[in-house]
Amino acid sequence: MRLVQYKDTAGAQHVAVVEDAKTLIPLKAVASTRELASIAISQGVTMIEAAKARMGDTNVDYDEVAKSGRLLPPITHADPAHFLVTGTGLTHLGSASARANMHKADNKAADETDSMKMFRMGVEGGKPKAGETGVQPEWFYKGDGSVVANPGADIPSPSFALDGSEEPEIAAIYVIDPEGNPVRIGFAIGNEFSDHVMERQNYLYLAHSKLRACAMGPELLLGDLPSHVEGTSRLYRDGKVIWEKPFLSGEDNMSHSLANLEYHHFKYDLFCRPGDVHAHFFGTATLSFADGIKTQDGDEFEIEAAPFGRALRNRLKTQAERKVTIRSI
């Protein structure tokens, strides 16, 4: 089952089951996936069971909702500060080479870059045996809920950015229950948009390069993630595809297990605050930047994978420069 969040023509928020590529079935008496998750947690049922119990008997035209710009991300929070967006890299088999080239040491005789070392650690210890703790992955913070662009909307890039390009990834969505336990409610396809030129200058700039917008959805996949996921990432310019490449995800194509990535995120008490929402990106091995593509204002990203239904599309929009003024009082 897959869910979407959307607004009606009056601006009210709804959550609906995706019946097919053109039809949505709104849920009754529930306005968000977060609210549905709270109900499922309190009743001790799955998200699918909670959604089935609330399916109405009316249909909504999916294409019309999308065309009118009323699709929302698959998870939202009334207070964006309580929606944390994070991720991890160097998690996919084949993901190390492009990163290593970006971070290549000035000393050409060096045996390994730090990126290659991190990747090798993941290959050797990212899928621990039951009862054991695996090696911790690279980790980064992207921002709060305010950085998540709606499906179909512009994805903003700051005026000071040196690059803005896509990273096709799967994100897992979580809510923290009243006892402080993380509960995974589903998965979404995502664009973990980043500044790769800034990152390439020095790997210590990774934190800066990730403080960018992102996008997810529009559909939330409930239940388990397939162990093998095949998708396609495309870049359009003036309506024409200028770059296209398949990508792989799922645990069969990763050097870390999902459980290991989740443990090393939620082991911090900071991320177990009751009521918070988390979206955690799981990484990728496919980038247009790695193929020498330089994006420009107005380019459109398209990321799709069959288990996630409708493709995610967003346009690149460079923001106007904002003067930074610091007052002392």
Protein backbone atom coordinates (compact mmCIF):
# COMPACT_ATOMS: atom_id res chain seq x y z
CA MET A 1 0.00 0.00 0.00
CA ARG A 2 1.09 3.56 -0.74
CA LEU A 3 -0.20 6.82 0.73
CA VAL A 4 -0.04 10.44 -0.37
CA GLN A 5 -0.69 13.71 1.41
CA TYR A 6 -2.35 16.52 -0.50
CA LYS A 7 -4.41 19.67 -0.13
CA ASP A 8 -7.92 20.09 -1.47
CA THR A 9 -8.94 23.17 -3.44
CA ALA A 10 -9.87 24.95 -0.21
CA GLY A 11 -6.43 24.32 1.31
CA ALA A 12 -7.34 21.60 3.79
CA GLN A 13 -4.86 18.73 4.16
CA HIS A 14 -5.79 15.10 3.50
CA VAL A 15 -4.14 11.69 3.31
CA ALA A 16 -5.21 9.13 0.73
CA VAL A 17 -4.50 5.59 -0.42
CA VAL A 18 -3.13 5.31 -3.95
CA GLU A 19 -5.70 3.10 -5.71
CA ASP A 20 -3.91 3.28 -9.07
CA ALA A 21 -1.87 5.72 -11.17
CA LYS A 22 -4.88 8.01 -11.61
CA THR A 23 -7.01 7.45 -8.51
CA LEU A 24 -6.72 8.40 -4.83
CA ILE A 25 -9.05 7.20 -2.07
CA PRO A 26 -9.09 9.72 0.79
CA LEU A 27 -9.08 8.44 4.35
CA LYS A 28 -11.86 9.48 6.70
CA ALA A 29 -11.23 11.45 9.90
CA VAL A 30 -7.46 11.65 9.42
CA ALA A 31 -5.57 14.53 7.81
CA SER A 32 -1.94 13.41 7.75
CA THR A 33 0.31 10.37 7.72
CA ARG A 34 1.68 11.49 11.08
CA GLU A 35 -1.81 11.46 12.56
CA LEU A 36 -2.44 8.02 11.05
CA ALA A 37 0.84 6.79 12.56
CA SER A 38 -0.21 8.04 15.99
CA ILE A 39 -3.48 6.13 15.68
CA ALA A 40 -1.68 2.95 14.57
CA ILE A 41 0.78 3.21 17.47
CA SER A 42 -1.94 3.80 20.06
CA GLN A 43 -4.05 0.91 18.74
CA GLY A 44 -1.15 -1.50 18.25
CA VAL A 45 -1.87 -2.04 14.54
CA THR A 46 0.13 -1.55 11.34
CA MET A 47 -0.09 1.51 9.10
CA ILE A 48 -1.79 -0.63 6.46
CA GLU A 49 -4.41 -1.86 8.93
CA ALA A 50 -5.03 1.67 10.19
CA ALA A 51 -5.40 2.99 6.64
CA LYS A 52 -7.76 0.20 5.52
CA ALA A 53 -10.03 0.91 8.49
CA ARG A 54 -10.41 4.53 7.37
CA MET A 55 -10.76 4.24 3.60
CA GLY A 56 -13.73 6.22 2.35
CA ASP A 57 -15.99 5.56 -0.63
CA THR A 58 -15.04 8.62 -2.68
CA ASN A 59 -12.28 9.02 -5.28
CA VAL A 60 -10.00 11.91 -6.15
CA ASP A 61 -8.30 12.47 -9.51
CA TYR A 62 -4.59 11.97 -8.84
CA ASP A 63 -3.50 13.78 -12.02
CA GLU A 64 -5.60 16.82 -11.17
CA VAL A 65 -4.09 17.05 -7.69
CA ALA A 66 -0.59 16.84 -9.16
CA LYS A 67 -1.20 19.27 -12.02
CA SER A 68 -2.66 21.88 -9.68
CA GLY A 69 0.39 21.71 -7.38
CA ARG A 70 -1.47 20.32 -4.38
CA LEU A 71 0.75 17.34 -3.59
CA LEU A 72 2.60 17.43 -0.28
CA PRO A 73 5.62 15.47 0.97
CA PRO A 74 4.71 12.02 2.30
CA ILE A 75 5.29 13.22 5.89
CA THR A 76 4.89 16.66 7.44
CA HIS A 77 4.84 18.19 10.91
CA ALA A 78 2.87 21.22 12.05
CA ASP A 79 6.11 22.52 13.60
CA PRO A 80 8.96 21.99 11.08
CA ALA A 81 11.52 22.24 13.89
CA HIS A 82 10.29 18.83 15.09
CA PHE A 83 10.90 17.22 11.69
CA LEU A 84 14.58 16.27 11.35
CA VAL A 85 16.08 15.44 7.95
CA THR A 86 19.33 13.46 7.99
CA GLY A 87 21.19 10.92 5.91
CA THR A 88 24.15 8.67 5.41
CA GLY A 89 26.55 8.14 2.52
CA LEU A 90 29.01 5.58 1.20
CA THR A 91 26.40 2.91 1.91
CA HIS A 92 25.92 1.47 -1.57
CA LEU A 93 28.16 -0.95 -3.42
CA GLY A 94 29.84 1.15 -6.10
CA SER A 95 29.29 4.44 -4.27
CA ALA A 96 32.90 4.98 -3.28
CA SER A 97 34.64 5.68 -6.58
CA ALA A 98 33.01 9.03 -7.42
CA ARG A 99 33.35 10.20 -3.83
CA ALA A 100 36.97 9.11 -3.67
CA ASN A 101 37.75 11.09 -6.81
CA MET A 102 36.15 14.19 -5.29
CA HIS A 103 38.13 13.78 -2.08
CA LYS A 104 41.41 12.59 -3.55
CA ALA A 105 44.31 13.61 -1.36
CA ASP A 106 46.90 16.06 -2.64
CA ASN A 107 49.43 13.32 -1.89
CA LYS A 108 48.90 11.11 -4.95
CA ALA A 109 50.90 8.34 -3.29
CA ALA A 110 48.36 7.97 -0.49
CA ASP A 111 47.00 4.43 -0.33
CA GLU A 112 43.39 5.43 0.34
CA THR A 113 41.27 8.52 0.69
CA ASP A 114 39.20 8.83 3.85
CA SER A 115 36.14 8.10 1.70
CA MET A 116 37.58 4.80 0.51
CA LYS A 117 38.50 3.87 4.05
CA MET A 118 34.96 4.60 5.22
CA PHE A 119 33.51 2.60 2.35
CA ARG A 120 35.80 -0.37 3.06
CA MET A 121 34.81 -0.27 6.73
CA GLY A 122 31.17 -0.51 5.68
CA VAL A 123 31.80 -3.43 3.34
CA GLU A 124 33.64 -5.28 6.11
CA GLY A 125 31.38 -4.41 9.03
CA GLY A 126 28.15 -2.77 7.85
CA LYS A 127 26.01 -5.92 8.01
CA PRO A 128 26.64 -7.36 11.48
CA LYS A 129 25.39 -10.70 12.71
CA ALA A 130 22.29 -10.81 14.90
CA GLY A 131 23.05 -9.43 18.33
CA GLU A 132 26.19 -7.59 17.20
CA THR A 133 26.77 -3.90 16.50
CA GLY A 134 28.12 -3.01 13.08
CA VAL A 135 30.48 -0.23 12.08
CA GLN A 136 28.95 3.23 12.11
CA PRO A 137 28.46 4.91 8.72
CA GLU A 138 29.11 8.42 7.55
CA TRP A 139 26.25 10.62 8.81
CA PHE A 140 25.04 14.11 7.95
CA TYR A 141 22.34 16.60 8.86
CA LYS A 142 20.33 18.32 6.11
CA GLY A 143 17.95 20.48 8.09
CA ASP A 144 14.46 20.47 9.53
CA GLY A 145 11.10 20.11 7.84
CA SER A 146 11.41 23.53 6.23
CA VAL A 147 13.99 22.19 3.73
CA VAL A 148 11.61 19.59 2.22
CA ALA A 149 10.21 20.77 -1.12
CA ASN A 150 6.78 19.62 -2.26
CA PRO A 151 6.67 17.10 -5.11
CA GLY A 152 6.43 19.04 -8.37
CA ALA A 153 7.62 22.29 -6.79
CA ASP A 154 10.86 24.20 -7.20
CA ILE A 155 13.82 22.90 -5.22
CA PRO A 156 15.69 26.02 -4.06
CA SER A 157 19.45 26.40 -4.25
CA PRO A 158 21.06 29.28 -2.30
CA SER A 159 22.76 32.13 -4.13
CA PHE A 160 26.14 31.16 -2.66
CA ALA A 161 25.95 27.53 -3.83
CA LEU A 162 28.66 26.28 -6.18
CA ASP A 163 26.49 23.45 -7.47
CA GLY A 164 23.04 22.02 -7.01
CA SER A 165 22.42 18.53 -8.30
CA GLU A 166 20.42 15.43 -7.55
CA GLU A 167 21.08 12.34 -5.48
CA PRO A 168 18.44 9.65 -6.10
CA GLU A 169 17.91 7.89 -2.78
CA ILE A 170 15.42 6.05 -0.63
CA ALA A 171 14.42 7.75 2.61
CA ALA A 172 12.86 6.00 5.57
CA ILE A 173 10.22 7.88 7.54
CA TYR A 174 9.88 7.59 11.32
CA VAL A 175 7.83 8.99 14.17
CA ILE A 176 8.95 8.84 17.80
CA ASP A 177 6.31 7.27 20.02
CA PRO A 178 5.25 8.63 23.45
CA GLU A 179 7.87 6.43 25.18
CA GLY A 180 10.69 7.77 23.03
CA ASN A 181 10.96 4.76 20.71
CA PRO A 182 11.50 5.30 16.95
CA VAL A 183 8.80 3.72 14.79
CA ARG A 184 9.34 3.34 11.06
CA ILE A 185 6.12 4.05 9.18
CA GLY A 186 7.31 3.66 5.59
CA PHE A 187 9.71 4.57 2.81
CA ALA A 188 9.77 7.22 0.06
CA ILE A 189 11.84 7.86 -3.03
CA GLY A 190 13.84 11.03 -2.59
CA ASN A 191 16.17 13.62 -4.08
CA GLU A 192 18.90 14.27 -1.52
CA PHE A 193 19.96 17.42 -3.36
CA SER A 194 23.56 18.53 -2.59
CA ASP A 195 26.38 20.91 -3.53
CA HIS A 196 29.04 18.58 -4.92
CA VAL A 197 31.47 21.29 -6.03
CA MET A 198 31.67 22.60 -2.48
CA GLU A 199 32.14 19.07 -1.17
CA ARG A 200 34.89 18.42 -3.71
CA GLN A 201 36.93 21.38 -2.46
CA ASN A 202 37.56 19.59 0.82
CA TYR A 203 35.82 16.63 2.40
CA LEU A 204 35.47 18.67 5.60
CA TYR A 205 33.00 20.81 3.64
CA LEU A 206 30.61 17.85 3.46
CA ALA A 207 28.52 19.31 6.30
CA HIS A 208 28.12 22.60 4.41
CA SER A 209 27.34 20.85 1.12
CA LYS A 210 24.44 18.94 2.68
CA LEU A 211 22.70 21.99 4.17
CA ARG A 212 20.44 22.24 1.16
CA ALA A 213 16.82 21.57 0.26
CA CYS A 214 15.60 18.09 -0.65
CA ALA A 215 12.44 16.42 -1.87
CA MET A 216 10.62 13.18 -1.14
CA GLY A 217 7.62 11.29 -2.41
CA PRO A 218 4.99 11.91 -3.40
CA GLU A 219 4.09 8.40 -2.23
CA LEU A 220 4.84 6.70 1.08
CA LEU A 221 5.44 2.97 0.68
CA LEU A 222 4.08 1.05 3.66
CA GLY A 223 5.49 -2.24 4.88
CA ASP A 224 8.93 -3.63 4.14
CA LEU A 225 11.40 -2.23 1.62
CA PRO A 226 12.22 -4.65 -1.21
CA SER A 227 15.78 -5.93 -0.88
CA HIS A 228 16.43 -5.04 -4.52
CA VAL A 229 15.16 -1.74 -5.93
CA GLU A 230 15.76 -0.55 -9.49
CA GLY A 231 15.09 3.04 -10.45
CA THR A 232 15.93 5.73 -12.99
CA SER A 233 17.23 9.25 -12.47
CA ARG A 234 16.81 11.85 -15.23
CA LEU A 235 17.72 15.47 -15.79
CA TYR A 236 15.62 17.61 -18.16
CA ARG A 237 16.64 20.90 -19.72
CA ASP A 238 14.17 22.86 -21.84
CA GLY A 239 11.91 19.81 -21.83
CA LYS A 240 14.55 17.41 -23.17
CA VAL A 241 16.43 14.68 -21.30
CA ILE A 242 20.12 15.64 -21.13
CA TRP A 243 21.16 12.87 -18.73
CA GLU A 244 19.58 9.58 -17.69
CA LYS A 245 20.92 6.69 -15.66
CA PRO A 246 19.55 3.69 -13.75
CA PHE A 247 20.26 3.32 -10.05
CA LEU A 248 20.05 0.45 -7.59
CA SER A 249 19.12 0.42 -3.93
CA GLY A 250 17.80 -1.93 -1.28
CA GLU A 251 19.92 -4.04 1.04
CA ASP A 252 21.09 -6.39 -1.72
CA ASN A 253 22.92 -3.44 -3.25
CA MET A 254 24.18 -1.88 -0.02
CA SER A 255 27.24 -2.34 2.16
CA HIS A 256 25.21 -1.59 5.30
CA SER A 257 22.00 -3.18 6.52
CA LEU A 258 19.08 -0.85 7.16
CA ALA A 259 19.05 -2.01 10.78
CA ASN A 260 22.66 -0.94 11.20
CA LEU A 261 22.03 2.48 9.68
CA GLU A 262 18.96 2.94 11.88
CA TYR A 263 20.81 1.90 15.04
CA HIS A 264 23.60 4.40 14.48
CA HIS A 265 21.09 7.21 14.02
CA PHE A 266 18.69 6.45 16.85
CA LYS A 267 21.38 5.46 19.37
CA TYR A 268 21.46 9.18 20.20
CA ASP A 269 18.91 10.29 22.80
CA LEU A 270 18.70 13.56 20.87
CA PHE A 271 16.84 11.73 18.09
CA CYS A 272 14.36 9.92 20.36
CA ARG A 273 12.24 12.87 21.47
CA PRO A 274 8.54 11.87 21.65
CA GLY A 275 6.43 13.36 18.87
CA ASP A 276 9.30 14.16 16.52
CA VAL A 277 9.38 13.07 12.87
CA HIS A 278 12.52 11.88 11.07
CA ALA A 279 13.34 11.36 7.40
CA HIS A 280 16.65 9.53 6.95
CA PHE A 281 18.24 9.18 3.50
CA PHE A 282 20.10 5.93 2.83
CA GLY A 283 22.59 7.03 0.15
CA THR A 284 23.20 6.39 -3.55
CA ALA A 285 25.83 5.35 -6.06
CA THR A 286 24.45 7.37 -9.00
CA LEU A 287 25.05 11.09 -9.65
CA SER A 288 24.84 13.21 -12.80
CA PHE A 289 27.66 15.28 -11.29
CA ALA A 290 29.95 12.23 -11.39
CA ASP A 291 29.32 12.07 -15.15
CA GLY A 292 30.42 15.68 -15.65
CA ILE A 293 26.96 17.25 -15.79
CA LYS A 294 26.66 20.84 -14.55
CA THR A 295 23.11 21.79 -13.68
CA GLN A 296 21.61 25.20 -14.33
CA ASP A 297 18.59 27.19 -13.21
CA GLY A 298 15.35 25.71 -14.52
CA ASP A 299 16.63 22.15 -14.94
CA GLU A 300 14.12 19.53 -13.83
CA PHE A 301 15.02 16.42 -11.85
CA GLU A 302 12.99 13.24 -12.20
CA ILE A 303 13.52 10.22 -9.97
CA GLU A 304 11.40 7.10 -10.16
CA ALA A 305 11.37 3.50 -8.99
CA ALA A 306 8.46 1.12 -9.48
CA PRO A 307 7.81 0.28 -5.79
CA PHE A 308 7.22 3.98 -5.08
CA GLY A 309 4.63 4.73 -7.74
CA ARG A 310 4.53 8.20 -9.25
CA ALA A 311 7.88 9.78 -10.11
CA LEU A 312 9.31 12.62 -8.05
CA ARG A 313 9.87 15.78 -10.09
CA ASN A 314 11.34 19.11 -9.01
CA ARG A 315 12.83 22.12 -10.80
CA LEU A 316 16.09 23.77 -9.79
CA LYS A 317 15.57 27.38 -8.70
CA THR A 318 18.46 29.60 -7.61
CA GLN A 319 17.47 31.91 -4.78
CA ALA A 320 18.16 35.63 -4.69
CA GLU A 321 21.06 36.71 -2.53
CA ARG A 322 20.06 37.46 1.05
CA LYS A 323 22.11 39.95 3.00
CA VAL A 324 23.22 38.58 6.37
CA THR A 325 23.22 41.20 9.13
CA ILE A 326 24.16 40.40 12.71
CA ARG A 327 22.97 42.65 15.50
CA SER A 328 24.49 42.90 18.93
CA ILE A 329 22.23 43.87 21.81
